[in-house]
Amino acid sequence: MTPEIPRGAAPIESLQPGNPRVGVDRMLRIQGYTAPEKVRPAVREVAERNAKRAEGLFDPAVRYRRIPVLNCSNDSLALCGDVSLHCRAFPRFLSAAREIAVFVTTAGGRIDDELARLNTEEQFLDMLFLETAAWLGIEEITKAFIVHLRERAADDGLRLTRRMGPGYDYKTEDGKAQWPLDEQRSLFALFGDATLPVHLLDSCAMLPKMSRSGLVGLVPSLASPPP
């Protein structure tokens, strides 16, 4: 079946980033080792082993779609195709947006399979460091997408806003606001019937686990950033 394209939206685009490299010192710092050079050799060996393991398991993939914005006010972001997303922080970051790009990124399912195997075999330290390496990997994959989109936007005289995702909190003028996690359903619906590398569960969690979803606004290059 041909994926349904929301009225006014661009076709879904794919990006295949290269496999990310994982920094062992970054892994160690995330785990609380403030001086990685002083870490016991046995611990560093586990970190190095799982950094290399993760790099061999990554299967990165990105899907995204640019959609025109009709209006952004109060807590509502109205898009072409009679679709709205809701978060009180949207006006602060997206009031000048002409378009948004909705996206999903993933490090692939092989990481999940290996984490399950390590858990079954009670190799919990390896599991911890592999999960850390995978988290760093999906962040690098998502950053690669942002770099790609920034270059494409610049060709159109646009720049990017900050990245936003369901389930996260964002500053507002009167404190902070959460973009509700259950808006994942609306976000995924913007991809129509397309086959994606990420599957949304009833709980609004994603599979593979090392995946990200969200949106980025595209605003005129001369527009002022939010305070």
C-alpha atoms as a PDB file:
ATOM      1  CA  MET A   1       0.000   0.000   0.000  1.00  0.00           C
ATOM      2  CA  THR A   2       1.317   3.479  -0.841  1.00  0.00           C
ATOM      3  CA  PRO A   3       1.792   5.505   2.364  1.00  0.00           C
ATOM      4  CA  GLU A   4      -0.813   8.216   2.769  1.00  0.00           C
ATOM      5  CA  ILE A   5       0.795  11.658   2.650  1.00  0.00           C
ATOM      6  CA  PRO A   6      -0.876  14.283   4.867  1.00  0.00           C
ATOM      7  CA  ARG A   7      -2.177  17.132   2.720  1.00  0.00           C
ATOM      8  CA  GLY A   8       0.592  19.681   2.166  1.00  0.00           C
ATOM      9  CA  ALA A   9       3.332  17.469   3.608  1.00  0.00           C
ATOM     10  CA  ALA A  10       6.514  16.493   1.827  1.00  0.00           C
ATOM     11  CA  PRO A  11       7.231  12.829   1.107  1.00  0.00           C
ATOM     12  CA  ILE A  12       9.002  10.810   3.769  1.00  0.00           C
ATOM     13  CA  GLU A  13      12.764  10.962   3.398  1.00  0.00           C
ATOM     14  CA  SER A  14      15.350   8.431   4.519  1.00  0.00           C
ATOM     15  CA  LEU A  15      18.854   8.964   5.839  1.00  0.00           C
ATOM     16  CA  GLN A  16      21.386   6.213   6.420  1.00  0.00           C
ATOM     17  CA  PRO A  17      24.068   7.670   8.707  1.00  0.00           C
ATOM     18  CA  GLY A  18      27.382   5.939   9.085  1.00  0.00           C
ATOM     19  CA  ASN A  19      27.925   3.775  12.150  1.00  0.00           C
ATOM     20  CA  PRO A  20      28.735   6.013  15.120  1.00  0.00           C
ATOM     21  CA  ARG A  21      31.981   5.668  17.031  1.00  0.00           C
ATOM     22  CA  VAL A  22      31.674   5.352  20.802  1.00  0.00           C
ATOM     23  CA  GLY A  23      34.100   7.166  23.096  1.00  0.00           C
ATOM     24  CA  VAL A  24      35.182   4.964  26.006  1.00  0.00           C
ATOM     25  CA  ASP A  25      35.985   7.934  28.250  1.00  0.00           C
ATOM     26  CA  ARG A  26      32.484   9.324  27.668  1.00  0.00           C
ATOM     27  CA  MET A  27      31.022   5.967  28.670  1.00  0.00           C
ATOM     28  CA  LEU A  28      33.040   5.970  31.870  1.00  0.00           C
ATOM     29  CA  ARG A  29      32.059   9.534  32.770  1.00  0.00           C
ATOM     30  CA  ILE A  30      28.380   8.703  32.311  1.00  0.00           C
ATOM     31  CA  GLN A  31      28.880   5.858  34.786  1.00  0.00           C
ATOM     32  CA  GLY A  32      30.321   8.263  37.348  1.00  0.00           C
ATOM     33  CA  TYR A  33      34.052   7.883  36.736  1.00  0.00           C
ATOM     34  CA  THR A  34      35.097  11.527  36.793  1.00  0.00           C
ATOM     35  CA  ALA A  35      38.738  10.700  36.026  1.00  0.00           C
ATOM     36  CA  PRO A  36      38.640   8.005  33.312  1.00  0.00           C
ATOM     37  CA  GLU A  37      42.420   7.848  33.162  1.00  0.00           C
ATOM     38  CA  LYS A  38      42.440   6.550  36.741  1.00  0.00           C
ATOM     39  CA  VAL A  39      39.858   3.810  36.227  1.00  0.00           C
ATOM     40  CA  ARG A  40      40.948   0.291  37.144  1.00  0.00           C
ATOM     41  CA  PRO A  41      42.167  -1.641  34.076  1.00  0.00           C
ATOM     42  CA  ALA A  42      39.493  -4.312  34.544  1.00  0.00           C
ATOM     43  CA  VAL A  43      36.704  -1.712  34.364  1.00  0.00           C
ATOM     44  CA  ARG A  44      38.224   0.009  31.328  1.00  0.00           C
ATOM     45  CA  GLU A  45      38.520  -3.359  29.618  1.00  0.00           C
ATOM     46  CA  VAL A  46      34.778  -3.951  30.044  1.00  0.00           C
ATOM     47  CA  ALA A  47      34.019  -0.464  28.714  1.00  0.00           C
ATOM     48  CA  GLU A  48      36.286  -0.931  25.695  1.00  0.00           C
ATOM     49  CA  ARG A  49      34.824  -4.344  24.959  1.00  0.00           C
ATOM     50  CA  ASN A  50      31.288  -3.024  24.905  1.00  0.00           C
ATOM     51  CA  ALA A  51      32.125   0.094  22.929  1.00  0.00           C
ATOM     52  CA  LYS A  52      33.532  -2.169  20.223  1.00  0.00           C
ATOM     53  CA  ARG A  53      30.573  -4.542  20.575  1.00  0.00           C
ATOM     54  CA  ALA A  54      28.087  -1.707  20.120  1.00  0.00           C
ATOM     55  CA  GLU A  55      29.882  -0.386  17.050  1.00  0.00           C
ATOM     56  CA  GLY A  56      29.543  -3.820  15.467  1.00  0.00           C
ATOM     57  CA  LEU A  57      25.828  -4.036  16.260  1.00  0.00           C
ATOM     58  CA  PHE A  58      24.604  -0.594  15.217  1.00  0.00           C
ATOM     59  CA  ASP A  59      22.162  -0.545  12.306  1.00  0.00           C
ATOM     60  CA  PRO A  60      21.312   3.156  12.107  1.00  0.00           C
ATOM     61  CA  ALA A  61      18.266   4.451  10.255  1.00  0.00           C
ATOM     62  CA  VAL A  62      16.390   7.751  10.037  1.00  0.00           C
ATOM     63  CA  ARG A  63      13.002   8.668   8.585  1.00  0.00           C
ATOM     64  CA  TYR A  64      11.650  12.203   8.512  1.00  0.00           C
ATOM     65  CA  ARG A  65       8.999  14.336   6.887  1.00  0.00           C
ATOM     66  CA  ARG A  66       8.656  18.104   6.546  1.00  0.00           C
ATOM     67  CA  ILE A  67       5.151  19.454   7.163  1.00  0.00           C
ATOM     68  CA  PRO A  68       3.944  23.074   6.833  1.00  0.00           C
ATOM     69  CA  VAL A  69       2.768  24.833   9.994  1.00  0.00           C
ATOM     70  CA  LEU A  70      -0.582  26.631   9.867  1.00  0.00           C
ATOM     71  CA  ASN A  71      -0.548  28.198  13.322  1.00  0.00           C
ATOM     72  CA  CYS A  72       1.145  27.966  16.709  1.00  0.00           C
ATOM     73  CA  SER A  73      -0.631  29.471  19.715  1.00  0.00           C
ATOM     74  CA  ASN A  74      -1.433  28.602  23.322  1.00  0.00           C
ATOM     75  CA  ASP A  75      -0.619  24.881  23.532  1.00  0.00           C
ATOM     76  CA  SER A  76      -1.520  23.964  19.953  1.00  0.00           C
ATOM     77  CA  LEU A  77       0.663  23.455  16.891  1.00  0.00           C
ATOM     78  CA  ALA A  78      -1.700  23.251  13.913  1.00  0.00           C
ATOM     79  CA  LEU A  79      -0.300  21.495  10.850  1.00  0.00           C
ATOM     80  CA  CYS A  80      -1.439  20.986   7.286  1.00  0.00           C
ATOM     81  CA  GLY A  81      -3.668  17.968   7.033  1.00  0.00           C
ATOM     82  CA  ASP A  82      -5.943  18.934   9.942  1.00  0.00           C
ATOM     83  CA  VAL A  83      -3.485  17.607  12.536  1.00  0.00           C
ATOM     84  CA  SER A  84      -2.538  19.342  15.779  1.00  0.00           C
ATOM     85  CA  LEU A  85       0.087  18.607  18.413  1.00  0.00           C
ATOM     86  CA  HIS A  86      -0.141  20.011  21.924  1.00  0.00           C
ATOM     87  CA  CYS A  87       2.409  21.347  24.400  1.00  0.00           C
ATOM     88  CA  ARG A  88       2.431  24.669  26.277  1.00  0.00           C
ATOM     89  CA  ALA A  89       6.095  25.146  25.321  1.00  0.00           C
ATOM     90  CA  PHE A  90       5.426  25.118  21.574  1.00  0.00           C
ATOM     91  CA  PRO A  91       4.765  28.880  21.224  1.00  0.00           C
ATOM     92  CA  ARG A  92       8.109  29.688  22.844  1.00  0.00           C
ATOM     93  CA  PHE A  93      10.123  27.592  20.401  1.00  0.00           C
ATOM     94  CA  LEU A  94       7.924  27.250  17.312  1.00  0.00           C
ATOM     95  CA  SER A  95       5.959  30.503  16.970  1.00  0.00           C
ATOM     96  CA  ALA A  96       8.057  31.530  13.944  1.00  0.00           C
ATOM     97  CA  ALA A  97       8.178  28.060  12.368  1.00  0.00           C
ATOM     98  CA  ARG A  98       7.065  27.788   8.764  1.00  0.00           C
ATOM     99  CA  GLU A  99       7.487  24.027   8.829  1.00  0.00           C
ATOM    100  CA  ILE A 100       8.354  21.247  11.190  1.00  0.00           C
ATOM    101  CA  ALA A 101      10.292  18.093  10.458  1.00  0.00           C
ATOM    102  CA  VAL A 102       8.993  15.072  12.355  1.00  0.00           C
ATOM    103  CA  PHE A 103      11.515  12.267  12.675  1.00  0.00           C
ATOM    104  CA  VAL A 104      12.327   8.855  14.040  1.00  0.00           C
ATOM    105  CA  THR A 105      15.894   7.617  14.470  1.00  0.00           C
ATOM    106  CA  THR A 106      17.139   4.247  15.659  1.00  0.00           C
ATOM    107  CA  ALA A 107      20.335   2.367  16.415  1.00  0.00           C
ATOM    108  CA  GLY A 108      18.631  -0.850  15.267  1.00  0.00           C
ATOM    109  CA  GLY A 109      17.325  -3.997  16.907  1.00  0.00           C
ATOM    110  CA  ARG A 110      20.542  -5.977  17.227  1.00  0.00           C
ATOM    111  CA  ILE A 111      21.478  -3.955  20.311  1.00  0.00           C
ATOM    112  CA  ASP A 112      18.215  -5.031  21.973  1.00  0.00           C
ATOM    113  CA  ASP A 113      18.911  -8.668  21.153  1.00  0.00           C
ATOM    114  CA  GLU A 114      22.397  -8.516  22.631  1.00  0.00           C
ATOM    115  CA  LEU A 115      21.189  -6.760  25.781  1.00  0.00           C
ATOM    116  CA  ALA A 116      18.582  -9.498  26.246  1.00  0.00           C
ATOM    117  CA  ARG A 117      21.264 -12.174  25.850  1.00  0.00           C
ATOM    118  CA  LEU A 118      23.545 -10.514  28.401  1.00  0.00           C
ATOM    119  CA  ASN A 119      20.658 -10.216  30.837  1.00  0.00           C
ATOM    120  CA  THR A 120      19.796 -13.909  30.444  1.00  0.00           C
ATOM    121  CA  GLU A 121      23.417 -14.834  31.075  1.00  0.00           C
ATOM    122  CA  GLU A 122      23.563 -12.441  34.067  1.00  0.00           C
ATOM    123  CA  GLN A 123      26.446 -10.485  32.573  1.00  0.00           C
ATOM    124  CA  PHE A 124      25.155  -7.333  34.173  1.00  0.00           C
ATOM    125  CA  LEU A 125      28.306  -5.208  34.009  1.00  0.00           C
ATOM    126  CA  ASP A 126      28.636  -5.839  30.275  1.00  0.00           C
ATOM    127  CA  MET A 127      24.943  -5.111  29.922  1.00  0.00           C
ATOM    128  CA  LEU A 128      25.345  -1.778  31.715  1.00  0.00           C
ATOM    129  CA  PHE A 129      28.223  -0.643  29.533  1.00  0.00           C
ATOM    130  CA  LEU A 130      26.626  -1.868  26.305  1.00  0.00           C
ATOM    131  CA  GLU A 131      23.477   0.072  27.119  1.00  0.00           C
ATOM    132  CA  THR A 132      25.593   3.170  27.782  1.00  0.00           C
ATOM    133  CA  ALA A 133      27.417   2.722  24.474  1.00  0.00           C
ATOM    134  CA  ALA A 134      24.101   2.275  22.664  1.00  0.00           C
ATOM    135  CA  TRP A 135      22.710   5.454  24.245  1.00  0.00           C
ATOM    136  CA  LEU A 136      25.731   7.393  23.007  1.00  0.00           C
ATOM    137  CA  GLY A 137      25.252   5.804  19.602  1.00  0.00           C
ATOM    138  CA  ILE A 138      21.637   6.862  19.166  1.00  0.00           C
ATOM    139  CA  GLU A 139      22.564  10.381  20.240  1.00  0.00           C
ATOM    140  CA  GLU A 140      25.223  10.493  17.509  1.00  0.00           C
ATOM    141  CA  ILE A 141      22.769   9.127  14.944  1.00  0.00           C
ATOM    142  CA  THR A 142      20.232  11.801  15.883  1.00  0.00           C
ATOM    143  CA  LYS A 143      22.902  14.512  15.709  1.00  0.00           C
ATOM    144  CA  ALA A 144      23.868  13.309  12.227  1.00  0.00           C
ATOM    145  CA  PHE A 145      20.243  13.749  11.167  1.00  0.00           C
ATOM    146  CA  ILE A 146      20.163  17.273  12.613  1.00  0.00           C
ATOM    147  CA  VAL A 147      23.334  18.206  10.711  1.00  0.00           C
ATOM    148  CA  HIS A 148      21.775  16.855   7.496  1.00  0.00           C
ATOM    149  CA  LEU A 149      18.510  18.728   8.062  1.00  0.00           C
ATOM    150  CA  ARG A 150      20.334  21.950   8.981  1.00  0.00           C
ATOM    151  CA  GLU A 151      22.140  21.872   5.635  1.00  0.00           C
ATOM    152  CA  ARG A 152      18.900  21.228   3.754  1.00  0.00           C
ATOM    153  CA  ALA A 153      17.116  24.010   5.655  1.00  0.00           C
ATOM    154  CA  ALA A 154      19.904  26.504   4.960  1.00  0.00           C
ATOM    155  CA  ASP A 155      19.380  25.967   1.227  1.00  0.00           C
ATOM    156  CA  ASP A 156      15.807  27.221   1.770  1.00  0.00           C
ATOM    157  CA  GLY A 157      16.840  30.215   3.887  1.00  0.00           C
ATOM    158  CA  LEU A 158      15.737  28.507   7.091  1.00  0.00           C
ATOM    159  CA  ARG A 159      17.391  27.514  10.347  1.00  0.00           C
ATOM    160  CA  LEU A 160      16.446  24.909  12.919  1.00  0.00           C
ATOM    161  CA  THR A 161      14.886  25.332  16.331  1.00  0.00           C
ATOM    162  CA  ARG A 162      15.760  23.064  19.208  1.00  0.00           C
ATOM    163  CA  ARG A 163      14.812  19.407  19.026  1.00  0.00           C
ATOM    164  CA  MET A 164      11.660  18.434  20.946  1.00  0.00           C
ATOM    165  CA  GLY A 165      10.177  15.049  21.781  1.00  0.00           C
ATOM    166  CA  PRO A 166       7.090  13.652  23.541  1.00  0.00           C
ATOM    167  CA  GLY A 167       7.636  12.847  27.197  1.00  0.00           C
ATOM    168  CA  TYR A 168      10.182  15.616  27.823  1.00  0.00           C
ATOM    169  CA  ASP A 169       9.899  18.839  29.829  1.00  0.00           C
ATOM    170  CA  TYR A 170      10.605  22.278  28.351  1.00  0.00           C
ATOM    171  CA  LYS A 171      10.990  25.722  29.873  1.00  0.00           C
ATOM    172  CA  THR A 172       8.154  28.190  29.516  1.00  0.00           C
ATOM    173  CA  GLU A 173       7.761  31.771  30.657  1.00  0.00           C
ATOM    174  CA  ASP A 174       5.936  30.598  33.776  1.00  0.00           C
ATOM    175  CA  GLY A 175       7.981  27.507  34.597  1.00  0.00           C
ATOM    176  CA  LYS A 176       8.048  24.362  32.523  1.00  0.00           C
ATOM    177  CA  ALA A 177       5.684  22.209  30.500  1.00  0.00           C
ATOM    178  CA  GLN A 178       5.755  18.581  29.440  1.00  0.00           C
ATOM    179  CA  TRP A 179       4.954  17.420  25.958  1.00  0.00           C
ATOM    180  CA  PRO A 180       2.728  14.449  26.889  1.00  0.00           C
ATOM    181  CA  LEU A 181       4.168  11.059  26.028  1.00  0.00           C
ATOM    182  CA  ASP A 182       0.878   9.878  24.532  1.00  0.00           C
ATOM    183  CA  GLU A 183       1.356  12.428  21.739  1.00  0.00           C
ATOM    184  CA  GLN A 184       3.730   9.859  20.284  1.00  0.00           C
ATOM    185  CA  ARG A 185       0.625   8.447  18.596  1.00  0.00           C
ATOM    186  CA  SER A 186      -0.104  11.723  16.815  1.00  0.00           C
ATOM    187  CA  LEU A 187       3.529  12.134  15.855  1.00  0.00           C
ATOM    188  CA  PHE A 188       3.777   8.644  14.366  1.00  0.00           C
ATOM    189  CA  ALA A 189       0.456   9.189  12.561  1.00  0.00           C
ATOM    190  CA  LEU A 190       2.144  11.948  10.564  1.00  0.00           C
ATOM    191  CA  PHE A 191       4.060   9.226   8.733  1.00  0.00           C
ATOM    192  CA  GLY A 192       0.798   7.727   7.464  1.00  0.00           C
ATOM    193  CA  ASP A 193       0.972   4.042   6.568  1.00  0.00           C
ATOM    194  CA  ALA A 194       4.701   4.085   5.867  1.00  0.00           C
ATOM    195  CA  THR A 195       6.833   1.221   7.100  1.00  0.00           C
ATOM    196  CA  LEU A 196       9.217   2.718   9.654  1.00  0.00           C
ATOM    197  CA  PRO A 197      12.342   1.272  11.289  1.00  0.00           C
ATOM    198  CA  VAL A 198      10.748   2.062  14.672  1.00  0.00           C
ATOM    199  CA  HIS A 199       7.582   0.474  16.090  1.00  0.00           C
ATOM    200  CA  LEU A 200       5.346   2.307  18.576  1.00  0.00           C
ATOM    201  CA  LEU A 201       3.963   0.169  21.397  1.00  0.00           C
ATOM    202  CA  ASP A 202       0.594   0.683  23.100  1.00  0.00           C
ATOM    203  CA  SER A 203       2.525   2.156  26.047  1.00  0.00           C
ATOM    204  CA  CYS A 204       4.016   4.763  23.661  1.00  0.00           C
ATOM    205  CA  ALA A 205       7.474   3.299  24.202  1.00  0.00           C
ATOM    206  CA  MET A 206       9.401   2.448  21.048  1.00  0.00           C
ATOM    207  CA  LEU A 207      11.090  -0.636  19.657  1.00  0.00           C
ATOM    208  CA  PRO A 208      13.992  -0.908  19.108  1.00  0.00           C
ATOM    209  CA  LYS A 209      14.602   0.580  22.543  1.00  0.00           C
ATOM    210  CA  MET A 210      17.515   2.699  21.334  1.00  0.00           C
ATOM    211  CA  SER A 211      15.315   4.952  19.207  1.00  0.00           C
ATOM    212  CA  ARG A 212      14.324   8.602  19.269  1.00  0.00           C
ATOM    213  CA  SER A 213      11.328  10.492  17.942  1.00  0.00           C
ATOM    214  CA  GLY A 214      10.407  14.132  17.855  1.00  0.00           C
ATOM    215  CA  LEU A 215      10.267  17.256  15.786  1.00  0.00           C
ATOM    216  CA  VAL A 216      12.392  20.229  14.828  1.00  0.00           C
ATOM    217  CA  GLY A 217      11.025  23.575  13.708  1.00  0.00           C
ATOM    218  CA  LEU A 218      12.255  25.319  10.560  1.00  0.00           C
ATOM    219  CA  VAL A 219      12.144  29.096  10.915  1.00  0.00           C
ATOM    220  CA  PRO A 220      13.391  31.966   8.717  1.00  0.00           C
ATOM    221  CA  SER A 221      17.125  32.459   9.192  1.00  0.00           C
ATOM    222  CA  LEU A 222      16.622  36.042  10.383  1.00  0.00           C
ATOM    223  CA  ALA A 223      14.040  35.141  13.039  1.00  0.00           C
ATOM    224  CA  SER A 224      15.157  35.792  16.621  1.00  0.00           C
ATOM    225  CA  PRO A 225      15.750  32.709  18.803  1.00  0.00           C
ATOM    226  CA  PRO A 226      13.644  32.318  21.980  1.00  0.00           C
ATOM    227  CA  PRO A 227      15.052  33.968  25.132  1.00  0.00           C
END
